[in-house]
Amino acid sequence: MTKLECNVTNCLHNADNCCCKQSIMVDGHDAKEKEQTCCGSFDENKGGLFKNVFKTPESSLSVDCEAVQCIYNDNRHCAAAKIGIAGDGASRAEQTLCTTFQLS
């Protein structure tokens, strides 16, 4: 499990800078820099109406990763102890990124 800090507070799955999903997907198959990655699990919380009543924020979760050129990618899973997802104010997944990405 990877510790996740997410500052994308307008994501439907974000609560207290944690994710309410049990796993996420980082996209960026051809990424050579972090700006070419994104959180493929992002869903915009349009209007900020969602309230987290059924799910618990997860500080550690499974992170599948398509950024195969990242040093932390281990057979399409993130092996980093801690990652960050950035992109507060995003309305599309492409406006988010994995701040932990490092080219191998």
Protein backbone atom coordinates (compact mmCIF):
# COMPACT_ATOMS: atom_id res chain seq x y z
CA MET A 1 0.00 0.00 0.00
CA THR A 2 1.15 3.48 -0.87
CA LYS A 3 0.55 6.53 1.30
CA LEU A 4 -1.38 9.02 -0.83
CA GLU A 5 -1.67 12.76 -0.35
CA CYS A 6 -4.09 14.35 -2.79
CA ASN A 7 -4.62 18.10 -3.03
CA VAL A 8 -7.29 17.81 -5.74
CA THR A 9 -10.02 18.90 -3.33
CA ASN A 10 -12.61 19.28 -6.10
CA CYS A 11 -12.38 15.56 -6.92
CA LEU A 12 -15.47 13.56 -6.06
CA HIS A 13 -13.30 11.02 -4.22
CA ASN A 14 -11.28 13.49 -2.11
CA ALA A 15 -11.92 13.92 1.61
CA ASP A 16 -9.39 15.59 3.90
CA ASN A 17 -6.64 15.31 1.22
CA CYS A 18 -7.14 11.54 1.12
CA CYS A 19 -8.93 9.39 -1.43
CA CYS A 20 -12.17 7.53 -0.71
CA LYS A 21 -11.39 4.87 -3.32
CA GLN A 22 -9.57 1.67 -2.40
CA SER A 23 -7.29 2.06 -5.41
CA ILE A 24 -6.44 4.63 -8.06
CA MET A 25 -4.86 4.59 -11.52
CA VAL A 26 -2.05 6.94 -12.51
CA ASP A 27 -2.04 7.38 -16.29
CA GLY A 28 0.87 8.49 -18.45
CA HIS A 29 2.15 5.56 -20.51
CA ASP A 30 4.59 7.72 -22.51
CA ALA A 31 5.36 10.18 -19.68
CA LYS A 32 8.89 11.50 -19.40
CA GLU A 33 8.00 14.18 -16.83
CA LYS A 34 5.34 14.49 -14.13
CA GLU A 35 3.28 16.96 -16.16
CA GLN A 36 2.59 14.10 -18.60
CA THR A 37 0.94 11.98 -15.88
CA CYS A 38 -2.55 12.27 -14.44
CA CYS A 39 -4.89 10.61 -11.99
CA GLY A 40 -7.04 8.42 -14.20
CA SER A 41 -9.45 7.94 -11.29
CA PHE A 42 -10.31 11.66 -11.07
CA ASP A 43 -14.00 12.59 -11.20
CA GLU A 44 -14.93 16.25 -10.83
CA ASN A 45 -17.21 17.11 -7.92
CA LYS A 46 -19.36 19.53 -9.89
CA GLY A 47 -20.83 22.18 -7.68
CA GLY A 48 -19.19 20.75 -4.55
CA LEU A 49 -22.43 18.97 -3.66
CA PHE A 50 -20.95 15.56 -2.82
CA LYS A 51 -20.66 14.78 0.85
CA ASN A 52 -18.64 11.78 1.95
CA VAL A 53 -21.25 9.83 3.91
CA PHE A 54 -20.58 6.23 2.84
CA LYS A 55 -16.85 5.93 2.25
CA THR A 56 -13.87 6.38 4.52
CA PRO A 57 -10.87 8.43 3.34
CA GLU A 58 -7.93 6.12 2.70
CA SER A 59 -4.46 7.47 3.49
CA SER A 60 -2.84 4.30 2.09
CA LEU A 61 -4.15 2.49 -0.94
CA SER A 62 -3.26 0.46 -3.99
CA VAL A 63 -1.94 2.58 -6.87
CA ASP A 64 -1.95 1.06 -10.34
CA CYS A 65 0.38 2.94 -12.66
CA GLU A 66 0.62 3.22 -16.42
CA ALA A 67 3.63 5.58 -16.21
CA VAL A 68 5.93 2.70 -17.09
CA GLN A 69 9.05 4.89 -17.32
CA CYS A 70 8.80 6.01 -13.68
CA ILE A 71 11.43 4.66 -11.29
CA TYR A 72 8.65 3.64 -8.89
CA ASN A 73 6.72 1.60 -11.46
CA ASP A 74 6.89 -2.09 -10.57
CA ASN A 75 4.96 -4.14 -13.11
CA ARG A 76 2.32 -1.39 -13.47
CA HIS A 77 1.97 -0.82 -9.72
CA CYS A 78 3.45 2.06 -7.74
CA ALA A 79 6.22 0.95 -5.39
CA ALA A 80 6.78 4.38 -3.82
CA ALA A 81 6.11 4.55 -0.10
CA LYS A 82 4.35 7.89 -0.57
CA ILE A 83 2.95 9.73 -3.59
CA GLY A 84 1.26 13.03 -4.19
CA ILE A 85 -1.50 13.87 -6.63
CA ALA A 86 -1.81 17.57 -7.54
CA GLY A 87 -4.21 19.63 -9.60
CA ASP A 88 -6.61 21.47 -7.32
CA GLY A 89 -9.25 23.16 -9.45
CA ALA A 90 -9.08 20.49 -12.15
CA SER A 91 -12.17 19.78 -14.21
CA ARG A 92 -10.58 16.92 -16.19
CA ALA A 93 -8.16 14.14 -15.28
CA GLU A 94 -5.57 15.65 -17.63
CA GLN A 95 -5.35 18.67 -15.31
CA THR A 96 -4.04 16.49 -12.46
CA LEU A 97 -0.57 14.95 -12.08
CA CYS A 98 1.51 12.60 -9.99
CA THR A 99 4.06 14.79 -8.21
CA THR A 100 6.17 11.76 -7.29
CA PHE A 101 6.91 10.70 -10.89
CA GLN A 102 10.61 10.41 -11.67
CA LEU A 103 11.96 9.25 -15.01
CA SER A 104 13.97 6.05 -14.73
